């Protein structure tokens, strides 16, 4: 299971509505149907639990008074924990975690931590990303010969690879796909949508080295490239807004429906990454800018810019230098390529 965990913290809990003043001078705002108490169950995510109490669940670090260290190393909650909605002396709402009321049925599940977002949705994008950065595959080790000169290889077959690090045993096999262009600069290639073909194990170092194909999702052959099998470090981040202004675009959508749009729990690639200050746990608002054409009083055509509309939120769960993967955690309509993503 994906190990991106964060949790509820004992202390002040509330919410700022969109467009409000700073957290310091605004009253907390709870969801209209916020319960007095809630028992955490298996299958919950922290996002869903927070949404039971808050209108904008991503704002919890601000009003829990969490500093940077607490954000990166939060407490954790488990199935069976009881969350109590309470009020302080000034009447402000907060939540407290009353683990003493944990039902006995859950006592044996204390090692099961509630994840922030559905791990099964983002797993493929953690284990085998569908994006590779520019020039990554061009310089990666490649298959220069196949077992008995076969055109294609499958599971259990042998491949001979040039340029492989002898110290690295486990590898992923890729083939370059279509380039991903920056919507703001059509001449700039951000990276490539890669085809993940399978995995391979280095059985005998050398140049070429001998590899055994251990998994083949598609046919593997001469010229395909290999990259080391790695999993990015996933820290205990809670969702939080970037400290700097982010203004980017949606580049591609996975799990889209209909005309290619993506709804809640779709994965999107955006044209901002670590070089722009994005990190795991960042929440971005999705907006759409519209320009309509109409006739003026002289029956002449004119273009009118409609104010941008915010209609969703995305959770950044993996970053590259120029691009990031994000999960759509809230959306009132389908996201489209070229929609804007901005600091909320």
Protein backbone atom coordinates (compact mmCIF):
# COMPACT_ATOMS: atom_id res chain seq x y z
CA UNK A 1 0.00 0.00 0.00
CA UNK A 2 1.14 3.53 -0.77
CA UNK A 3 2.77 5.09 2.26
CA UNK A 4 1.64 8.72 1.98
CA UNK A 5 0.12 9.13 5.41
CA UNK A 6 -1.07 12.12 7.36
CA UNK A 7 -3.53 12.45 10.19
CA UNK A 8 -5.68 14.47 12.45
CA UNK A 9 -3.98 16.54 15.11
CA UNK A 10 -5.28 17.31 18.57
CA UNK A 11 -6.15 20.97 18.80
CA UNK A 12 -8.01 23.72 17.04
CA UNK A 13 -9.91 22.66 13.91
CA UNK A 14 -11.96 24.96 11.64
CA UNK A 15 -12.21 26.34 8.16
CA UNK A 16 -11.91 29.49 6.10
CA UNK A 17 -14.32 29.89 3.25
CA UNK A 18 -13.00 30.75 -0.21
CA UNK A 19 -12.26 34.42 -0.60
CA UNK A 20 -12.09 35.04 3.15
CA UNK A 21 -9.46 37.09 4.90
CA UNK A 22 -6.43 35.43 6.49
CA UNK A 23 -6.79 32.53 8.89
CA UNK A 24 -5.80 34.71 11.81
CA UNK A 25 -8.85 37.00 11.60
CA UNK A 26 -11.57 34.69 10.24
CA UNK A 27 -13.98 32.50 12.15
CA UNK A 28 -13.90 28.76 11.50
CA UNK A 29 -16.61 27.52 9.18
CA UNK A 30 -17.87 23.97 9.44
CA UNK A 31 -19.83 21.97 6.92
CA UNK A 32 -23.56 22.38 7.39
CA UNK A 33 -23.95 18.67 8.12
CA UNK A 34 -20.92 18.31 10.40
CA UNK A 35 -21.60 15.54 12.96
CA UNK A 36 -20.91 15.81 16.69
CA UNK A 37 -18.76 12.69 16.54
CA UNK A 38 -17.47 10.25 13.96
CA UNK A 39 -15.96 6.78 14.28
CA UNK A 40 -13.25 6.10 11.70
CA UNK A 41 -13.81 2.93 9.68
CA UNK A 42 -11.74 0.89 7.27
CA UNK A 43 -11.88 2.32 3.78
CA UNK A 44 -11.98 5.94 4.97
CA UNK A 45 -9.53 8.46 3.60
CA UNK A 46 -8.53 11.54 5.53
CA UNK A 47 -9.84 13.75 2.77
CA UNK A 48 -13.32 12.21 3.04
CA UNK A 49 -13.30 12.37 6.83
CA UNK A 50 -12.29 16.04 6.80
CA UNK A 51 -15.03 16.80 4.29
CA UNK A 52 -17.59 15.57 6.83
CA UNK A 53 -16.62 18.43 9.13
CA UNK A 54 -15.26 21.15 6.84
CA UNK A 55 -16.43 22.95 3.72
CA UNK A 56 -12.86 23.08 2.45
CA UNK A 57 -11.04 20.12 3.98
CA UNK A 58 -7.63 21.01 2.57
CA UNK A 59 -7.39 24.06 4.85
CA UNK A 60 -6.94 22.03 8.04
CA UNK A 61 -3.22 22.70 8.66
CA UNK A 62 -3.86 26.44 8.92
CA UNK A 63 -6.52 26.24 11.55
CA UNK A 64 -4.91 23.32 13.42
CA UNK A 65 -1.98 25.69 14.01
CA UNK A 66 0.47 23.23 12.54
CA UNK A 67 4.00 24.41 11.88
CA UNK A 68 6.16 23.05 9.06
CA UNK A 69 7.65 20.29 11.21
CA UNK A 70 4.23 19.10 12.35
CA UNK A 71 2.99 19.07 8.75
CA UNK A 72 5.81 16.76 7.72
CA UNK A 73 5.52 14.53 10.82
CA UNK A 74 1.85 14.55 11.86
CA UNK A 75 0.10 12.25 14.28
CA UNK A 76 -1.80 9.36 12.74
CA UNK A 77 -5.30 7.99 13.08
CA UNK A 78 -6.58 4.46 12.72
CA UNK A 79 -9.87 2.66 12.13
CA UNK A 80 -11.85 2.84 15.34
CA UNK A 81 -10.59 6.23 16.49
CA UNK A 82 -13.39 8.55 17.60
CA UNK A 83 -13.38 12.18 16.44
CA UNK A 84 -15.34 14.60 18.64
CA UNK A 85 -16.57 18.01 17.48
CA UNK A 86 -16.18 20.45 20.37
CA UNK A 87 -16.04 24.19 21.14
CA UNK A 88 -13.43 26.20 23.03
CA UNK A 89 -14.13 28.91 25.60
CA UNK A 90 -14.52 31.47 22.83
CA UNK A 91 -17.07 29.38 20.98
CA UNK A 92 -14.77 28.36 18.16
CA UNK A 93 -15.14 24.85 16.81
CA UNK A 94 -12.34 22.31 17.06
CA UNK A 95 -11.95 18.57 16.89
CA UNK A 96 -10.37 16.29 19.41
CA UNK A 97 -9.33 12.72 18.89
CA UNK A 98 -10.65 10.49 21.66
CA UNK A 99 -8.80 7.24 21.03
CA UNK A 100 -9.88 5.94 24.46
CA UNK A 101 -13.28 5.28 22.92
CA UNK A 102 -11.90 3.02 20.21
CA UNK A 103 -14.30 0.06 19.80
CA UNK A 104 -12.75 -3.28 20.75
CA UNK A 105 -13.33 -4.66 17.27
CA UNK A 106 -10.58 -2.34 16.02
CA UNK A 107 -8.01 -2.92 18.74
CA UNK A 108 -6.04 -5.30 16.54
CA UNK A 109 -5.80 -2.86 13.61
CA UNK A 110 -3.62 -0.17 15.18
CA UNK A 111 -0.97 -0.66 12.53
CA UNK A 112 -3.51 0.23 9.84
CA UNK A 113 -3.21 3.95 9.19
CA UNK A 114 -5.84 5.92 7.33
CA UNK A 115 -4.35 7.21 4.04
CA UNK A 116 -4.95 10.75 2.75
CA UNK A 117 -6.33 9.72 -0.65
CA UNK A 118 -7.31 6.38 -2.24
CA UNK A 119 -4.00 4.49 -2.60
CA UNK A 120 -5.28 2.09 -5.27
CA UNK A 121 -5.95 5.02 -7.61
CA UNK A 122 -2.44 6.47 -7.53
CA UNK A 123 -0.51 3.18 -7.22
CA UNK A 124 0.19 2.79 -10.98
CA UNK A 125 1.60 6.32 -11.14
CA UNK A 126 3.95 5.66 -8.21
CA UNK A 127 5.21 2.23 -9.20
CA UNK A 128 5.47 2.74 -12.97
CA UNK A 129 5.00 6.37 -14.03
CA UNK A 130 3.50 7.04 -17.44
CA UNK A 131 5.73 10.06 -17.90
CA UNK A 132 9.48 10.34 -18.36
CA UNK A 133 11.41 13.58 -18.40
CA UNK A 134 13.05 14.86 -21.53
CA UNK A 135 16.36 13.13 -22.38
CA UNK A 136 15.80 10.44 -19.71
CA UNK A 137 15.24 7.60 -22.16
CA UNK A 138 17.59 8.88 -24.86
CA UNK A 139 20.55 8.23 -22.59
CA UNK A 140 19.12 5.19 -20.77
CA UNK A 141 20.48 1.66 -21.23
CA UNK A 142 18.93 -0.05 -24.24
CA UNK A 143 18.33 -3.54 -25.54
CA UNK A 144 20.90 -4.24 -28.25
CA UNK A 145 20.19 -7.94 -28.83
CA UNK A 146 17.54 -10.52 -28.02
CA UNK A 147 17.45 -14.21 -27.22
CA UNK A 148 18.00 -16.21 -30.42
CA UNK A 149 17.46 -13.01 -32.45
CA UNK A 150 13.78 -12.94 -31.58
CA UNK A 151 11.84 -9.90 -32.75
CA UNK A 152 9.90 -9.62 -29.50
CA UNK A 153 10.45 -10.85 -25.96
CA UNK A 154 8.06 -12.05 -23.27
CA UNK A 155 8.26 -13.16 -19.67
CA UNK A 156 11.23 -15.44 -19.04
CA UNK A 157 13.09 -14.45 -22.21
CA UNK A 158 16.62 -13.06 -22.30
CA UNK A 159 17.67 -9.58 -23.41
CA UNK A 160 21.15 -8.10 -23.80
CA UNK A 161 21.44 -4.53 -22.59
CA UNK A 162 24.11 -1.93 -23.30
CA UNK A 163 25.07 0.68 -20.70
CA UNK A 164 23.43 -0.90 -17.62
CA UNK A 165 24.79 -0.11 -14.16
CA UNK A 166 26.17 -3.44 -12.86
CA UNK A 167 25.15 -2.53 -9.30
CA UNK A 168 21.48 -2.13 -10.21
CA UNK A 169 19.56 -5.39 -10.36
CA UNK A 170 15.91 -4.47 -10.91
CA UNK A 171 14.81 -2.41 -13.93
CA UNK A 172 11.70 -1.15 -15.73
CA UNK A 173 11.38 -1.33 -19.51
CA UNK A 174 9.99 1.65 -21.42
CA UNK A 175 9.45 2.91 -24.94
CA UNK A 176 9.18 6.57 -25.83
CA UNK A 177 5.67 7.76 -26.57
CA UNK A 178 4.29 11.08 -27.73
CA UNK A 179 5.93 14.29 -26.48
CA UNK A 180 4.12 16.43 -23.95
CA UNK A 181 4.24 20.08 -25.00
CA UNK A 182 3.87 22.99 -22.62
CA UNK A 183 0.45 24.59 -23.26
CA UNK A 184 2.03 27.97 -22.54
CA UNK A 185 4.90 27.38 -24.99
CA UNK A 186 3.99 24.91 -27.77
CA UNK A 187 7.63 24.59 -28.82
CA UNK A 188 8.78 23.42 -25.38
CA UNK A 189 8.77 19.67 -24.73
CA UNK A 190 8.26 18.95 -21.04
CA UNK A 191 8.75 15.22 -21.34
CA UNK A 192 7.21 12.16 -22.93
CA UNK A 193 4.23 9.98 -22.26
CA UNK A 194 6.07 6.69 -22.08
CA UNK A 195 4.85 3.17 -22.73
CA UNK A 196 5.67 0.97 -19.76
CA UNK A 197 6.42 -2.41 -21.32
CA UNK A 198 7.39 -4.48 -18.29
CA UNK A 199 10.22 -5.23 -15.89
CA UNK A 200 13.57 -7.03 -16.07
CA UNK A 201 16.28 -8.36 -13.75
CA UNK A 202 19.99 -8.09 -14.46
CA UNK A 203 21.34 -11.63 -14.13
CA UNK A 204 24.88 -11.14 -15.44
CA UNK A 205 26.64 -7.75 -15.51
CA UNK A 206 28.66 -6.83 -18.56
CA UNK A 207 28.49 -4.70 -21.67
CA UNK A 208 26.19 -5.91 -22.93
CA UNK A 209 24.67 -7.23 -19.70
CA UNK A 210 22.33 -10.21 -19.58
CA UNK A 211 18.77 -9.57 -18.44
CA UNK A 212 15.76 -11.77 -17.79
CA UNK A 213 12.35 -10.32 -18.63
CA UNK A 214 10.30 -10.80 -15.44
CA UNK A 215 7.11 -9.08 -16.59
CA UNK A 216 5.87 -8.16 -20.06
CA UNK A 217 2.76 -6.01 -20.32
CA UNK A 218 3.50 -5.44 -24.00
CA UNK A 219 5.96 -6.91 -26.49
CA UNK A 220 9.56 -5.94 -25.70
CA UNK A 221 12.20 -5.72 -28.37
CA UNK A 222 15.39 -4.27 -29.80
CA UNK A 223 15.93 -0.60 -28.98
CA UNK A 224 13.65 -0.44 -25.95
CA UNK A 225 15.09 1.39 -22.95
CA UNK A 226 15.53 0.49 -19.30
CA UNK A 227 15.43 2.64 -16.18
CA UNK A 228 16.21 1.53 -12.59
CA UNK A 229 13.25 0.43 -10.52
CA UNK A 230 12.82 3.08 -7.86
CA UNK A 231 9.99 4.38 -5.73
CA UNK A 232 9.99 8.05 -4.72
CA UNK A 233 10.19 8.92 -1.05
CA UNK A 234 6.68 9.71 0.13
CA UNK A 235 6.66 11.77 3.29
CA UNK A 236 3.91 12.23 5.86
CA UNK A 237 2.52 15.37 4.27
CA UNK A 238 -0.91 16.77 4.96
CA UNK A 239 -2.60 18.74 2.18
CA UNK A 240 -1.54 22.38 2.17
CA UNK A 241 -1.39 25.30 -0.20
CA UNK A 242 1.93 26.22 -1.87
CA UNK A 243 3.70 29.08 -0.16
CA UNK A 244 4.31 30.72 -3.53
CA UNK A 245 1.97 31.56 -6.39
CA UNK A 246 1.49 28.68 -8.83
CA UNK A 247 -0.14 29.36 -12.19
CA UNK A 248 -0.04 26.36 -14.50
CA UNK A 249 -2.08 24.25 -16.90
CA UNK A 250 -3.44 20.73 -17.20
CA UNK A 251 -1.30 18.91 -19.79
CA UNK A 252 -2.96 15.49 -19.92
CA UNK A 253 -5.68 13.48 -18.21
CA UNK A 254 -5.73 9.78 -17.32
CA UNK A 255 -8.98 8.00 -16.65
CA UNK A 256 -10.92 10.59 -18.61
CA UNK A 257 -14.45 9.99 -19.82
CA UNK A 258 -16.53 11.11 -22.76
CA UNK A 259 -14.66 13.76 -24.71
CA UNK A 260 -11.49 13.23 -22.73
CA UNK A 261 -12.40 15.18 -19.63
CA UNK A 262 -11.57 13.93 -16.16
CA UNK A 263 -13.79 13.90 -13.09
CA UNK A 264 -13.18 13.13 -9.42
CA UNK A 265 -10.41 10.55 -8.85
CA UNK A 266 -8.95 11.08 -12.31
CA UNK A 267 -5.18 11.64 -12.56
CA UNK A 268 -3.90 14.75 -14.30
CA UNK A 269 -0.45 15.87 -15.38
CA UNK A 270 0.27 19.58 -14.90
CA UNK A 271 3.05 21.71 -16.34
CA UNK A 272 4.55 22.70 -12.99
CA UNK A 273 7.00 20.64 -10.96
CA UNK A 274 9.74 20.71 -8.38
CA UNK A 275 11.61 23.51 -10.13
CA UNK A 276 8.49 25.64 -9.56
CA UNK A 277 8.32 24.74 -5.87
CA UNK A 278 5.65 22.06 -6.02
CA UNK A 279 5.87 19.22 -3.51
CA UNK A 280 3.84 16.21 -2.40
CA UNK A 281 0.72 17.31 -0.55
CA UNK A 282 0.21 20.61 -2.33
CA UNK A 283 -3.40 21.45 -3.12
CA UNK A 284 -4.18 23.47 -6.25
CA UNK A 285 -7.46 24.97 -7.39
CA UNK A 286 -8.69 24.20 -10.90
CA UNK A 287 -10.05 27.16 -12.83
CA UNK A 288 -11.36 27.77 -16.31
CA UNK A 289 -10.97 31.01 -18.21
CA UNK A 290 -13.63 31.66 -20.82
CA UNK A 291 -13.90 34.10 -23.70
CA UNK A 292 -17.27 34.41 -25.39
CA UNK A 293 -18.09 36.12 -28.66
CA UNK A 294 -21.18 38.27 -28.89
CA UNK A 295 -22.65 41.18 -30.85
CA UNK A 296 -22.42 44.74 -29.56
CA UNK A 297 -25.05 47.44 -29.98
CA UNK A 298 -23.77 48.09 -33.53
CA UNK A 299 -24.13 44.40 -34.38
CA UNK A 300 -20.36 44.01 -34.52
CA UNK A 301 -18.66 40.93 -33.17
CA UNK A 302 -16.75 41.40 -29.93
CA UNK A 303 -14.94 39.10 -27.51
CA UNK A 304 -15.72 39.29 -23.82
CA UNK A 305 -13.49 37.70 -21.17
CA UNK A 306 -15.56 35.99 -18.48
CA UNK A 307 -14.02 35.94 -14.98
CA UNK A 308 -12.25 32.67 -14.26
CA UNK A 309 -14.37 30.04 -12.52
CA UNK A 310 -12.99 27.78 -9.81
CA UNK A 311 -14.60 24.36 -9.99
CA UNK A 312 -12.25 21.82 -8.47
CA UNK A 313 -9.23 20.88 -6.37
CA UNK A 314 -6.30 18.59 -7.10
CA UNK A 315 -3.83 16.89 -4.72
CA UNK A 316 -0.21 16.70 -5.92
CA UNK A 317 1.20 13.24 -5.09
CA UNK A 318 4.30 13.01 -7.29
CA UNK A 319 6.59 15.66 -8.73
CA UNK A 320 9.18 15.73 -11.48
CA UNK A 321 11.35 18.66 -12.47
CA UNK A 322 8.89 20.21 -14.90
CA UNK A 323 5.70 18.20 -14.42
CA UNK A 324 3.63 16.72 -11.61
CA UNK A 325 0.95 14.09 -11.13
CA UNK A 326 -2.13 15.14 -9.19
CA UNK A 327 -5.34 13.44 -8.12
CA UNK A 328 -8.65 15.21 -8.68
CA UNK A 329 -10.15 15.21 -5.18
CA UNK A 330 -13.03 17.59 -5.86
CA UNK A 331 -14.71 18.69 -9.07
CA UNK A 332 -18.05 20.18 -10.05
CA UNK A 333 -17.50 19.40 -13.73
CA UNK A 334 -15.09 17.58 -16.03
CA UNK A 335 -11.52 18.88 -16.16
CA UNK A 336 -10.13 19.52 -19.61
CA UNK A 337 -6.63 19.82 -21.03
CA UNK A 338 -5.51 23.49 -20.76
CA UNK A 339 -7.59 24.20 -17.64
CA UNK A 340 -5.67 26.38 -15.18
CA UNK A 341 -4.26 25.15 -11.88
CA UNK A 342 -3.49 27.82 -9.32
CA UNK A 343 -2.67 28.42 -5.69
CA UNK A 344 -6.06 28.32 -3.95
